[in-house]
Amino acid sequence: MLAGPPLVHGFVTSLISTLFLVVADVAFIRSYYFGMFLGYLVLDCLNGLVLLPVLLSMFGDRKVVIPEKELKKRQTVKRANAGDDAVVNPVYPDKQAVFGQSSAAPQISMI
């Protein structure tokens, strides 16, 4: 997913919405409000378009370590979905639900 177009769109729309302050009669509003807001917009746009992509390309691609318990849960679910109709609950692997064999309404239990 590209982050550039939404960032540029946000920058342009925020800039357009505050451009009327350039022609304000009060110098205080021009220098402090518009100037600071423009600086804020430029810093945010540079942060999103330059700094964060560079930092994520340097430090963002780390190996994900899955704990052994979670790995066993995922393998149980994969085995259950491999060819039969049984679905194994990864939290309670001893309880299985087989679809299509019961016409009764499902029972909801509070655990």
N, C-alpha and C. Protein backbone atom coordinates (compact mmCIF):
# COMPACT_ATOMS: atom_id res chain seq x y z
N MET A 1 0.84 -1.17 0.00
CA MET A 1 0.00 0.00 0.00
C MET A 1 0.89 1.24 0.00
N LEU A 2 0.59 2.16 -0.85
CA LEU A 2 1.37 3.38 -0.97
C LEU A 2 0.88 4.42 0.03
N ALA A 3 1.82 5.07 0.71
CA ALA A 3 1.46 6.09 1.69
C ALA A 3 1.58 7.49 1.12
N GLY A 4 2.20 7.64 -0.04
CA GLY A 4 2.44 8.96 -0.61
C GLY A 4 1.19 9.74 -0.97
N PRO A 5 0.27 9.17 -1.77
CA PRO A 5 -0.90 9.95 -2.17
C PRO A 5 -1.75 10.47 -1.01
N PRO A 6 -2.06 9.68 0.03
CA PRO A 6 -2.83 10.26 1.14
C PRO A 6 -2.08 11.36 1.88
N LEU A 7 -0.77 11.23 2.01
CA LEU A 7 0.00 12.26 2.69
C LEU A 7 0.01 13.57 1.90
N VAL A 8 0.22 13.46 0.60
CA VAL A 8 0.23 14.66 -0.24
C VAL A 8 -1.16 15.29 -0.28
N HIS A 9 -2.19 14.46 -0.35
CA HIS A 9 -3.57 14.97 -0.35
C HIS A 9 -3.85 15.72 0.95
N GLY A 10 -3.45 15.15 2.08
CA GLY A 10 -3.65 15.83 3.36
C GLY A 10 -2.87 17.13 3.45
N PHE A 11 -1.65 17.13 2.94
CA PHE A 11 -0.84 18.35 2.95
C PHE A 11 -1.50 19.44 2.11
N VAL A 12 -1.93 19.10 0.91
CA VAL A 12 -2.51 20.10 0.00
C VAL A 12 -3.83 20.63 0.55
N THR A 13 -4.69 19.76 1.06
CA THR A 13 -5.98 20.24 1.58
C THR A 13 -5.80 21.08 2.83
N SER A 14 -4.85 20.73 3.69
CA SER A 14 -4.60 21.57 4.87
C SER A 14 -4.01 22.91 4.47
N LEU A 15 -3.15 22.91 3.47
CA LEU A 15 -2.57 24.17 2.99
C LEU A 15 -3.64 25.07 2.37
N ILE A 16 -4.51 24.49 1.57
CA ILE A 16 -5.58 25.28 0.94
C ILE A 16 -6.50 25.87 2.00
N SER A 17 -6.79 25.08 3.05
CA SER A 17 -7.71 25.57 4.07
C SER A 17 -7.15 26.72 4.90
N THR A 18 -5.83 26.90 4.91
CA THR A 18 -5.24 27.98 5.70
C THR A 18 -4.62 29.09 4.83
N LEU A 19 -4.75 28.98 3.53
CA LEU A 19 -4.17 30.02 2.66
C LEU A 19 -4.82 31.38 2.85
N PHE A 20 -6.05 31.42 3.31
CA PHE A 20 -6.70 32.72 3.49
C PHE A 20 -6.02 33.54 4.59
N LEU A 21 -5.23 32.90 5.44
CA LEU A 21 -4.54 33.64 6.51
C LEU A 21 -3.37 34.45 5.99
N VAL A 22 -2.92 34.16 4.76
CA VAL A 22 -1.80 34.92 4.18
C VAL A 22 -2.20 36.38 3.97
N VAL A 23 -3.43 36.61 3.65
CA VAL A 23 -3.90 37.97 3.38
C VAL A 23 -4.51 38.62 4.61
N ALA A 24 -4.32 38.06 5.78
CA ALA A 24 -4.86 38.64 7.01
C ALA A 24 -4.18 39.98 7.30
N ASP A 25 -4.96 40.92 7.86
CA ASP A 25 -4.43 42.25 8.16
C ASP A 25 -3.52 42.24 9.39
N VAL A 26 -3.72 41.33 10.26
CA VAL A 26 -2.95 41.28 11.50
C VAL A 26 -1.66 40.47 11.26
N ALA A 27 -0.53 41.10 11.49
CA ALA A 27 0.75 40.43 11.25
C ALA A 27 0.97 39.27 12.21
N PHE A 28 0.40 39.40 13.39
CA PHE A 28 0.52 38.33 14.37
C PHE A 28 -0.05 37.01 13.83
N ILE A 29 -1.20 37.07 13.20
CA ILE A 29 -1.83 35.86 12.65
C ILE A 29 -1.01 35.31 11.49
N ARG A 30 -0.52 36.20 10.63
CA ARG A 30 0.29 35.75 9.50
C ARG A 30 1.55 35.05 9.96
N SER A 31 2.27 35.65 10.88
CA SER A 31 3.56 35.09 11.25
C SER A 31 3.43 33.91 12.20
N TYR A 32 2.57 34.01 13.20
CA TYR A 32 2.54 32.95 14.20
C TYR A 32 1.61 31.80 13.82
N TYR A 33 0.42 32.11 13.35
CA TYR A 33 -0.49 31.01 13.04
C TYR A 33 -0.15 30.37 11.70
N PHE A 34 -0.14 31.16 10.63
CA PHE A 34 0.12 30.58 9.32
C PHE A 34 1.53 30.06 9.20
N GLY A 35 2.51 30.82 9.66
CA GLY A 35 3.91 30.39 9.56
C GLY A 35 4.18 29.11 10.33
N MET A 36 3.66 29.05 11.55
CA MET A 36 3.88 27.84 12.35
C MET A 36 3.11 26.65 11.79
N PHE A 37 1.90 26.90 11.30
CA PHE A 37 1.12 25.82 10.73
C PHE A 37 1.76 25.30 9.44
N LEU A 38 2.29 26.20 8.62
CA LEU A 38 2.98 25.79 7.40
C LEU A 38 4.24 24.97 7.75
N GLY A 39 4.99 25.42 8.74
CA GLY A 39 6.16 24.65 9.17
C GLY A 39 5.77 23.27 9.69
N TYR A 40 4.70 23.22 10.43
CA TYR A 40 4.19 21.95 10.95
C TYR A 40 3.79 21.02 9.79
N LEU A 41 3.12 21.56 8.79
CA LEU A 41 2.71 20.75 7.63
C LEU A 41 3.92 20.22 6.87
N VAL A 42 4.91 21.07 6.65
CA VAL A 42 6.10 20.64 5.90
C VAL A 42 6.86 19.56 6.68
N LEU A 43 7.02 19.75 7.99
CA LEU A 43 7.72 18.73 8.80
C LEU A 43 6.96 17.40 8.81
N ASP A 44 5.64 17.46 8.92
CA ASP A 44 4.86 16.22 8.92
C ASP A 44 4.93 15.52 7.57
N CYS A 45 4.87 16.27 6.49
CA CYS A 45 4.94 15.66 5.17
C CYS A 45 6.32 15.03 4.93
N LEU A 46 7.38 15.73 5.32
CA LEU A 46 8.72 15.16 5.19
C LEU A 46 8.90 13.93 6.08
N ASN A 47 8.30 13.96 7.26
CA ASN A 47 8.38 12.82 8.16
C ASN A 47 7.73 11.59 7.53
N GLY A 48 6.56 11.77 6.95
CA GLY A 48 5.85 10.64 6.37
C GLY A 48 6.40 10.17 5.04
N LEU A 49 6.96 11.09 4.25
CA LEU A 49 7.44 10.72 2.92
C LEU A 49 8.92 10.35 2.87
N VAL A 50 9.72 10.86 3.81
CA VAL A 50 11.16 10.63 3.76
C VAL A 50 11.66 9.86 4.98
N LEU A 51 11.46 10.41 6.17
CA LEU A 51 12.08 9.86 7.37
C LEU A 51 11.56 8.46 7.72
N LEU A 52 10.25 8.30 7.83
CA LEU A 52 9.72 6.99 8.22
C LEU A 52 10.02 5.89 7.21
N PRO A 53 9.88 6.11 5.89
CA PRO A 53 10.25 5.04 4.96
C PRO A 53 11.72 4.64 5.06
N VAL A 54 12.60 5.64 5.27
CA VAL A 54 14.03 5.32 5.40
C VAL A 54 14.28 4.51 6.66
N LEU A 55 13.71 4.93 7.79
CA LEU A 55 13.91 4.20 9.04
C LEU A 55 13.30 2.79 8.98
N LEU A 56 12.13 2.67 8.37
CA LEU A 56 11.52 1.34 8.26
C LEU A 56 12.29 0.43 7.32
N SER A 57 12.91 1.00 6.29
CA SER A 57 13.71 0.16 5.40
C SER A 57 14.99 -0.31 6.09
N MET A 58 15.48 0.48 7.05
CA MET A 58 16.71 0.09 7.75
C MET A 58 16.43 -0.85 8.92
N PHE A 59 15.36 -0.59 9.69
CA PHE A 59 15.14 -1.34 10.92
C PHE A 59 13.83 -2.12 10.95
N GLY A 60 12.98 -1.99 9.96
CA GLY A 60 11.64 -2.54 10.05
C GLY A 60 11.48 -3.97 9.63
N ASP A 61 12.43 -4.57 8.98
CA ASP A 61 12.26 -5.92 8.46
C ASP A 61 13.01 -6.90 9.34
N ARG A 62 12.43 -7.21 10.47
CA ARG A 62 13.04 -8.15 11.41
C ARG A 62 12.33 -9.49 11.32
N LYS A 63 13.01 -10.54 11.70
CA LYS A 63 12.44 -11.87 11.72
C LYS A 63 11.43 -11.97 12.86
N VAL A 64 10.28 -12.53 12.57
CA VAL A 64 9.24 -12.71 13.57
C VAL A 64 9.43 -14.08 14.21
N VAL A 65 9.54 -14.11 15.51
CA VAL A 65 9.71 -15.35 16.25
C VAL A 65 8.37 -15.73 16.86
N ILE A 66 7.87 -16.90 16.47
CA ILE A 66 6.59 -17.39 16.98
C ILE A 66 6.89 -18.36 18.12
N PRO A 67 6.28 -18.14 19.30
CA PRO A 67 6.51 -19.06 20.41
C PRO A 67 6.05 -20.48 20.06
N GLU A 68 6.67 -21.46 20.69
CA GLU A 68 6.40 -22.87 20.39
C GLU A 68 4.93 -23.23 20.62
N LYS A 69 4.34 -22.68 21.67
CA LYS A 69 2.94 -22.98 21.98
C LYS A 69 2.02 -22.47 20.86
N GLU A 70 2.26 -21.27 20.39
CA GLU A 70 1.46 -20.70 19.30
C GLU A 70 1.67 -21.47 18.01
N LEU A 71 2.89 -21.90 17.75
CA LEU A 71 3.18 -22.67 16.54
C LEU A 71 2.43 -23.99 16.55
N LYS A 72 2.35 -24.66 17.69
CA LYS A 72 1.59 -25.91 17.79
C LYS A 72 0.10 -25.67 17.55
N LYS A 73 -0.43 -24.56 18.06
CA LYS A 73 -1.84 -24.24 17.83
C LYS A 73 -2.11 -24.05 16.34
N ARG A 74 -1.23 -23.33 15.66
CA ARG A 74 -1.42 -23.08 14.23
C ARG A 74 -1.33 -24.36 13.42
N GLN A 75 -0.41 -25.27 13.79
CA GLN A 75 -0.29 -26.54 13.08
C GLN A 75 -1.52 -27.40 13.30
N THR A 76 -2.11 -27.35 14.49
CA THR A 76 -3.33 -28.11 14.78
C THR A 76 -4.48 -27.62 13.91
N VAL A 77 -4.61 -26.32 13.77
CA VAL A 77 -5.68 -25.77 12.95
C VAL A 77 -5.46 -26.12 11.48
N LYS A 78 -4.21 -26.07 11.01
CA LYS A 78 -3.92 -26.43 9.62
C LYS A 78 -4.25 -27.89 9.35
N ARG A 79 -3.89 -28.79 10.30
CA ARG A 79 -4.19 -30.21 10.13
C ARG A 79 -5.68 -30.46 10.11
N ALA A 80 -6.42 -29.74 10.93
CA ALA A 80 -7.86 -29.95 11.00
C ALA A 80 -8.55 -29.47 9.74
N ASN A 81 -8.03 -28.43 9.12
CA ASN A 81 -8.66 -27.88 7.91
C ASN A 81 -8.11 -28.50 6.64
N ALA A 82 -7.27 -29.51 6.75
CA ALA A 82 -6.59 -30.06 5.57
C ALA A 82 -7.53 -30.83 4.65
N GLY A 83 -8.56 -31.50 5.16
CA GLY A 83 -9.39 -32.26 4.25
C GLY A 83 -10.71 -32.69 4.84
N ASP A 84 -10.82 -32.68 6.16
CA ASP A 84 -12.08 -33.09 6.76
C ASP A 84 -12.89 -31.86 7.14
N ASP A 85 -14.08 -32.10 7.68
CA ASP A 85 -14.96 -30.99 8.05
C ASP A 85 -14.79 -30.57 9.50
N ALA A 86 -13.86 -31.16 10.22
CA ALA A 86 -13.66 -30.83 11.62
C ALA A 86 -12.81 -29.57 11.75
N VAL A 87 -13.22 -28.71 12.63
CA VAL A 87 -12.46 -27.49 12.92
C VAL A 87 -12.03 -27.57 14.38
N VAL A 88 -10.74 -27.44 14.61
CA VAL A 88 -10.21 -27.54 15.96
C VAL A 88 -10.07 -26.14 16.53
N ASN A 89 -10.61 -25.99 17.72
CA ASN A 89 -10.48 -24.73 18.43
C ASN A 89 -9.04 -24.66 18.94
N PRO A 90 -8.26 -23.62 18.55
CA PRO A 90 -6.86 -23.57 18.98
C PRO A 90 -6.70 -23.38 20.49
N VAL A 91 -7.71 -22.83 21.15
CA VAL A 91 -7.62 -22.63 22.59
C VAL A 91 -7.91 -23.94 23.32
N TYR A 92 -8.93 -24.68 22.85
CA TYR A 92 -9.30 -25.97 23.43
C TYR A 92 -9.21 -27.03 22.33
N PRO A 93 -8.03 -27.55 22.02
CA PRO A 93 -7.88 -28.46 20.89
C PRO A 93 -8.59 -29.80 21.06
N ASP A 94 -8.99 -30.17 22.28
CA ASP A 94 -9.69 -31.44 22.45
C ASP A 94 -11.16 -31.34 22.08
N LYS A 95 -11.71 -30.13 21.93
CA LYS A 95 -13.11 -29.95 21.55
C LYS A 95 -13.17 -29.67 20.05
N GLN A 96 -13.86 -30.54 19.31
CA GLN A 96 -14.00 -30.37 17.87
C GLN A 96 -15.45 -30.15 17.50
N ALA A 97 -15.66 -29.37 16.48
CA ALA A 97 -17.00 -29.16 15.95
C ALA A 97 -17.02 -29.66 14.52
N VAL A 98 -17.95 -30.56 14.21
CA VAL A 98 -18.08 -31.09 12.87
C VAL A 98 -19.33 -30.48 12.26
N PHE A 99 -19.14 -29.80 11.13
CA PHE A 99 -20.25 -29.11 10.49
C PHE A 99 -21.01 -30.06 9.58
N GLY A 100 -22.33 -29.87 9.53
CA GLY A 100 -23.16 -30.64 8.61
C GLY A 100 -23.68 -31.94 9.16
N GLN A 101 -23.37 -32.30 10.41
CA GLN A 101 -23.84 -33.56 10.96
C GLN A 101 -24.96 -33.38 11.97
N SER A 102 -25.25 -32.18 12.38
CA SER A 102 -26.28 -31.96 13.38
C SER A 102 -27.24 -30.91 12.86
N SER A 103 -28.54 -31.18 13.00
CA SER A 103 -29.53 -30.21 12.55
C SER A 103 -30.01 -29.34 13.71
N ALA A 104 -29.55 -29.61 14.92
CA ALA A 104 -29.96 -28.83 16.08
C ALA A 104 -29.24 -27.49 16.08
N ALA A 105 -29.86 -26.54 16.76
CA ALA A 105 -29.25 -25.21 16.88
C ALA A 105 -28.01 -25.32 17.74
N PRO A 106 -26.99 -24.53 17.45
CA PRO A 106 -25.76 -24.62 18.23
C PRO A 106 -25.99 -24.18 19.67
N GLN A 107 -25.32 -24.85 20.58
CA GLN A 107 -25.41 -24.53 22.00
C GLN A 107 -24.34 -23.50 22.33
N ILE A 108 -24.73 -22.45 23.03
CA ILE A 108 -23.78 -21.42 23.44
C ILE A 108 -23.50 -21.63 24.92
N SER A 109 -22.26 -21.81 25.26
CA SER A 109 -21.91 -22.00 26.66
C SER A 109 -20.96 -20.91 27.10
N MET A 110 -21.11 -20.49 28.34
CA MET A 110 -20.23 -19.47 28.91
C MET A 110 -19.10 -20.17 29.63
N ILE A 111 -17.87 -19.85 29.26
CA ILE A 111 -16.72 -20.49 29.91
C ILE A 111 -16.01 -19.49 30.74
